[in-house]
Amino acid sequence: MCKCIENTTQLASKKLVTEVEKGSTVSEWINKGSFENKGLSLSGGPSKISMPFIIKYIRKKVNGEPEKRETTAHTYIYLSFCPFCGEKYN
């Protein structure tokens, strides 16, 4: 099992923290970096990156007119291979 997610997280975090600390004074770090769409496998497998898939549409009212607001539906697609090195997830 590859460690690409962990390694990339560390590298990106180090770079961004350095950039932020150059331009501002940080009182307290809440989260020094993580992938937003990472899922933890409860079956003991590796963490996987997921890609959100979103559609937006306008519903029809009962009288047939379109609603004024957009409706959003979404799901997540989990990758079968590491996006960094191409190794297949178990």
N, C-alpha and C. Protein backbone atom coordinates (compact mmCIF):
# COMPACT_ATOMS: atom_id res chain seq x y z
N MET A 1 0.84 -1.18 0.00
CA MET A 1 0.00 0.00 0.00
C MET A 1 0.89 1.24 0.00
N CYS A 2 0.59 2.16 -0.91
CA CYS A 2 1.41 3.36 -1.02
C CYS A 2 1.10 4.36 0.10
N LYS A 3 1.99 5.28 0.32
CA LYS A 3 1.84 6.32 1.33
C LYS A 3 1.72 7.69 0.67
N CYS A 4 1.26 7.72 -0.57
CA CYS A 4 1.21 8.97 -1.33
C CYS A 4 0.32 10.03 -0.69
N ILE A 5 -0.83 9.62 -0.16
CA ILE A 5 -1.74 10.60 0.44
C ILE A 5 -1.07 11.25 1.65
N GLU A 6 -0.47 10.44 2.51
CA GLU A 6 0.20 10.97 3.69
C GLU A 6 1.40 11.86 3.31
N ASN A 7 2.20 11.39 2.35
CA ASN A 7 3.37 12.16 1.92
C ASN A 7 2.97 13.49 1.27
N THR A 8 1.97 13.45 0.41
CA THR A 8 1.51 14.67 -0.27
C THR A 8 0.90 15.63 0.74
N THR A 9 0.17 15.11 1.72
CA THR A 9 -0.40 15.96 2.77
C THR A 9 0.70 16.69 3.53
N GLN A 10 1.76 15.97 3.89
CA GLN A 10 2.87 16.58 4.62
C GLN A 10 3.57 17.65 3.80
N LEU A 11 3.84 17.36 2.53
CA LEU A 11 4.53 18.32 1.67
C LEU A 11 3.69 19.58 1.43
N ALA A 12 2.41 19.38 1.12
CA ALA A 12 1.53 20.52 0.86
C ALA A 12 1.33 21.36 2.12
N SER A 13 1.18 20.69 3.25
CA SER A 13 1.00 21.39 4.52
C SER A 13 2.22 22.23 4.86
N LYS A 14 3.40 21.65 4.70
CA LYS A 14 4.64 22.37 5.00
C LYS A 14 4.76 23.62 4.12
N LYS A 15 4.47 23.47 2.83
CA LYS A 15 4.57 24.60 1.91
C LYS A 15 3.56 25.70 2.25
N LEU A 16 2.31 25.32 2.48
CA LEU A 16 1.28 26.31 2.77
C LEU A 16 1.49 26.99 4.12
N VAL A 17 1.89 26.23 5.13
CA VAL A 17 2.16 26.81 6.45
C VAL A 17 3.28 27.84 6.34
N THR A 18 4.33 27.52 5.60
CA THR A 18 5.44 28.45 5.41
C THR A 18 4.97 29.73 4.72
N GLU A 19 4.15 29.59 3.68
CA GLU A 19 3.63 30.75 2.95
C GLU A 19 2.75 31.62 3.85
N VAL A 20 1.87 30.99 4.64
CA VAL A 20 0.98 31.74 5.51
C VAL A 20 1.78 32.48 6.58
N GLU A 21 2.78 31.81 7.15
CA GLU A 21 3.56 32.43 8.22
C GLU A 21 4.44 33.56 7.72
N LYS A 22 4.76 33.58 6.43
CA LYS A 22 5.52 34.70 5.86
C LYS A 22 4.70 35.98 5.87
N GLY A 23 3.43 35.88 5.55
CA GLY A 23 2.59 37.05 5.36
C GLY A 23 1.73 37.45 6.53
N SER A 24 1.61 36.61 7.56
CA SER A 24 0.73 36.97 8.67
C SER A 24 1.20 36.29 9.95
N THR A 25 0.66 36.79 11.05
CA THR A 25 0.94 36.21 12.35
C THR A 25 -0.21 35.28 12.72
N VAL A 26 0.10 34.03 12.99
CA VAL A 26 -0.92 33.04 13.31
C VAL A 26 -1.03 32.92 14.82
N SER A 27 -2.24 33.08 15.32
CA SER A 27 -2.48 32.94 16.76
C SER A 27 -2.51 31.47 17.15
N GLU A 28 -3.23 30.68 16.37
CA GLU A 28 -3.36 29.26 16.67
C GLU A 28 -3.73 28.51 15.40
N TRP A 29 -3.09 27.36 15.17
CA TRP A 29 -3.43 26.51 14.03
C TRP A 29 -4.56 25.59 14.43
N ILE A 30 -5.61 25.55 13.63
CA ILE A 30 -6.73 24.65 13.89
C ILE A 30 -6.52 23.35 13.13
N ASN A 31 -6.10 23.46 11.88
CA ASN A 31 -5.82 22.29 11.04
C ASN A 31 -4.69 22.69 10.10
N LYS A 32 -3.59 22.00 10.17
CA LYS A 32 -2.45 22.35 9.33
C LYS A 32 -2.49 21.67 7.96
N GLY A 33 -3.63 21.16 7.58
CA GLY A 33 -3.77 20.62 6.24
C GLY A 33 -4.25 19.20 6.17
N SER A 34 -5.19 18.97 5.27
CA SER A 34 -5.68 17.63 5.01
C SER A 34 -6.46 17.68 3.70
N PHE A 35 -6.63 16.52 3.09
CA PHE A 35 -7.46 16.44 1.91
C PHE A 35 -8.91 16.54 2.34
N GLU A 36 -9.66 17.35 1.64
CA GLU A 36 -11.05 17.57 1.99
C GLU A 36 -11.90 16.34 1.69
N ASN A 37 -11.61 15.63 0.66
CA ASN A 37 -12.43 14.51 0.22
C ASN A 37 -11.68 13.19 0.35
N LYS A 38 -11.33 12.84 1.59
CA LYS A 38 -10.62 11.58 1.84
C LYS A 38 -11.52 10.72 2.71
N GLY A 39 -11.74 9.49 2.30
CA GLY A 39 -12.58 8.57 3.06
C GLY A 39 -11.74 7.53 3.76
N LEU A 40 -12.13 7.18 4.96
CA LEU A 40 -11.44 6.16 5.73
C LEU A 40 -12.16 4.84 5.55
N SER A 41 -11.42 3.83 5.18
CA SER A 41 -12.02 2.51 4.98
C SER A 41 -12.13 1.82 6.33
N LEU A 42 -13.34 1.44 6.71
CA LEU A 42 -13.55 0.76 7.99
C LEU A 42 -13.19 -0.72 7.93
N SER A 43 -12.94 -1.23 6.73
CA SER A 43 -12.57 -2.64 6.59
C SER A 43 -11.06 -2.82 6.71
N GLY A 44 -10.34 -1.78 7.09
CA GLY A 44 -8.90 -1.89 7.29
C GLY A 44 -8.08 -1.57 6.06
N GLY A 45 -8.71 -1.20 4.96
CA GLY A 45 -7.99 -0.84 3.74
C GLY A 45 -7.43 0.56 3.84
N PRO A 46 -6.81 1.02 2.76
CA PRO A 46 -6.21 2.34 2.77
C PRO A 46 -7.25 3.46 2.68
N SER A 47 -6.84 4.65 3.10
CA SER A 47 -7.69 5.82 2.90
C SER A 47 -7.76 6.09 1.41
N LYS A 48 -8.92 6.47 0.94
CA LYS A 48 -9.10 6.73 -0.48
C LYS A 48 -9.55 8.17 -0.68
N ILE A 49 -9.18 8.72 -1.81
CA ILE A 49 -9.63 10.05 -2.16
C ILE A 49 -10.93 9.92 -2.94
N SER A 50 -11.88 10.77 -2.61
CA SER A 50 -13.14 10.76 -3.35
C SER A 50 -13.30 12.08 -4.10
N MET A 51 -14.00 12.01 -5.19
CA MET A 51 -14.28 13.20 -5.98
C MET A 51 -15.77 13.48 -5.88
N PRO A 52 -16.15 14.68 -5.44
CA PRO A 52 -17.57 14.98 -5.41
C PRO A 52 -18.13 15.14 -6.82
N PHE A 53 -19.31 14.63 -7.05
CA PHE A 53 -19.99 14.77 -8.33
C PHE A 53 -21.32 15.45 -8.04
N ILE A 54 -21.54 16.61 -8.65
CA ILE A 54 -22.68 17.45 -8.32
C ILE A 54 -23.49 17.77 -9.58
N ILE A 55 -24.82 17.70 -9.44
CA ILE A 55 -25.69 18.19 -10.50
C ILE A 55 -26.61 19.25 -9.90
N LYS A 56 -26.96 20.24 -10.71
CA LYS A 56 -27.87 21.30 -10.28
C LYS A 56 -29.02 21.36 -11.27
N TYR A 57 -30.21 21.57 -10.76
CA TYR A 57 -31.38 21.65 -11.63
C TYR A 57 -32.45 22.52 -10.97
N ILE A 58 -33.44 22.89 -11.75
CA ILE A 58 -34.57 23.66 -11.25
C ILE A 58 -35.81 22.78 -11.35
N ARG A 59 -36.45 22.59 -10.22
CA ARG A 59 -37.65 21.75 -10.16
C ARG A 59 -38.86 22.49 -10.72
N LYS A 60 -39.87 21.72 -11.08
CA LYS A 60 -41.15 22.29 -11.47
C LYS A 60 -42.07 22.30 -10.26
N LYS A 61 -42.82 23.37 -10.12
CA LYS A 61 -43.84 23.44 -9.07
C LYS A 61 -45.01 22.55 -9.49
N VAL A 62 -45.95 22.35 -8.59
CA VAL A 62 -47.12 21.52 -8.86
C VAL A 62 -47.91 22.10 -10.04
N ASN A 63 -47.92 23.44 -10.16
CA ASN A 63 -48.66 24.07 -11.25
C ASN A 63 -47.90 24.08 -12.57
N GLY A 64 -46.70 23.50 -12.61
CA GLY A 64 -45.92 23.39 -13.83
C GLY A 64 -44.89 24.48 -14.05
N GLU A 65 -44.94 25.57 -13.25
CA GLU A 65 -43.96 26.64 -13.38
C GLU A 65 -42.64 26.23 -12.72
N PRO A 66 -41.53 26.77 -13.21
CA PRO A 66 -40.25 26.44 -12.57
C PRO A 66 -40.10 27.17 -11.23
N GLU A 67 -39.45 26.48 -10.28
CA GLU A 67 -39.12 27.13 -9.01
C GLU A 67 -38.08 28.21 -9.24
N LYS A 68 -37.92 29.11 -8.28
CA LYS A 68 -36.94 30.18 -8.42
C LYS A 68 -35.55 29.74 -7.98
N ARG A 69 -35.47 28.75 -7.13
CA ARG A 69 -34.16 28.34 -6.60
C ARG A 69 -33.64 27.08 -7.29
N GLU A 70 -32.33 26.94 -7.24
CA GLU A 70 -31.69 25.73 -7.77
C GLU A 70 -31.73 24.63 -6.72
N THR A 71 -31.79 23.41 -7.18
CA THR A 71 -31.69 22.25 -6.31
C THR A 71 -30.40 21.53 -6.68
N THR A 72 -29.72 21.04 -5.67
CA THR A 72 -28.44 20.36 -5.88
C THR A 72 -28.55 18.92 -5.40
N ALA A 73 -28.03 18.01 -6.19
CA ALA A 73 -27.90 16.61 -5.78
C ALA A 73 -26.42 16.24 -5.96
N HIS A 74 -25.91 15.47 -5.02
CA HIS A 74 -24.49 15.11 -5.12
C HIS A 74 -24.23 13.71 -4.60
N THR A 75 -23.12 13.18 -5.04
CA THR A 75 -22.62 11.89 -4.57
C THR A 75 -21.10 11.96 -4.62
N TYR A 76 -20.45 10.94 -4.11
CA TYR A 76 -18.99 10.89 -4.13
C TYR A 76 -18.53 9.66 -4.91
N ILE A 77 -17.52 9.85 -5.73
CA ILE A 77 -16.93 8.76 -6.50
C ILE A 77 -15.56 8.47 -5.89
N TYR A 78 -15.39 7.26 -5.38
CA TYR A 78 -14.11 6.88 -4.78
C TYR A 78 -13.21 6.29 -5.85
N LEU A 79 -11.98 6.73 -5.86
CA LEU A 79 -11.02 6.30 -6.87
C LEU A 79 -10.55 4.87 -6.59
N SER A 80 -10.33 4.09 -7.62
CA SER A 80 -9.85 2.72 -7.49
C SER A 80 -8.33 2.65 -7.48
N PHE A 81 -7.69 3.73 -7.95
CA PHE A 81 -6.23 3.78 -8.01
C PHE A 81 -5.74 5.04 -7.33
N CYS A 82 -4.55 5.01 -6.79
CA CYS A 82 -3.93 6.20 -6.19
C CYS A 82 -3.76 7.25 -7.28
N PRO A 83 -4.23 8.47 -7.06
CA PRO A 83 -4.11 9.50 -8.08
C PRO A 83 -2.68 10.02 -8.26
N PHE A 84 -1.79 9.66 -7.35
CA PHE A 84 -0.42 10.14 -7.42
C PHE A 84 0.56 9.17 -8.05
N CYS A 85 0.44 7.87 -7.69
CA CYS A 85 1.39 6.90 -8.25
C CYS A 85 0.73 5.83 -9.13
N GLY A 86 -0.59 5.74 -9.09
CA GLY A 86 -1.30 4.78 -9.93
C GLY A 86 -1.47 3.39 -9.35
N GLU A 87 -1.01 3.17 -8.11
CA GLU A 87 -1.16 1.87 -7.49
C GLU A 87 -2.63 1.57 -7.21
N LYS A 88 -3.06 0.33 -7.49
CA LYS A 88 -4.45 -0.06 -7.29
C LYS A 88 -4.74 -0.21 -5.80
N TYR A 89 -5.89 0.37 -5.37
CA TYR A 89 -6.33 0.18 -3.99
C TYR A 89 -6.91 -1.21 -3.83
N ASN A 90 -6.78 -1.77 -2.65
CA ASN A 90 -7.32 -3.11 -2.37
C ASN A 90 -8.80 -3.07 -2.20
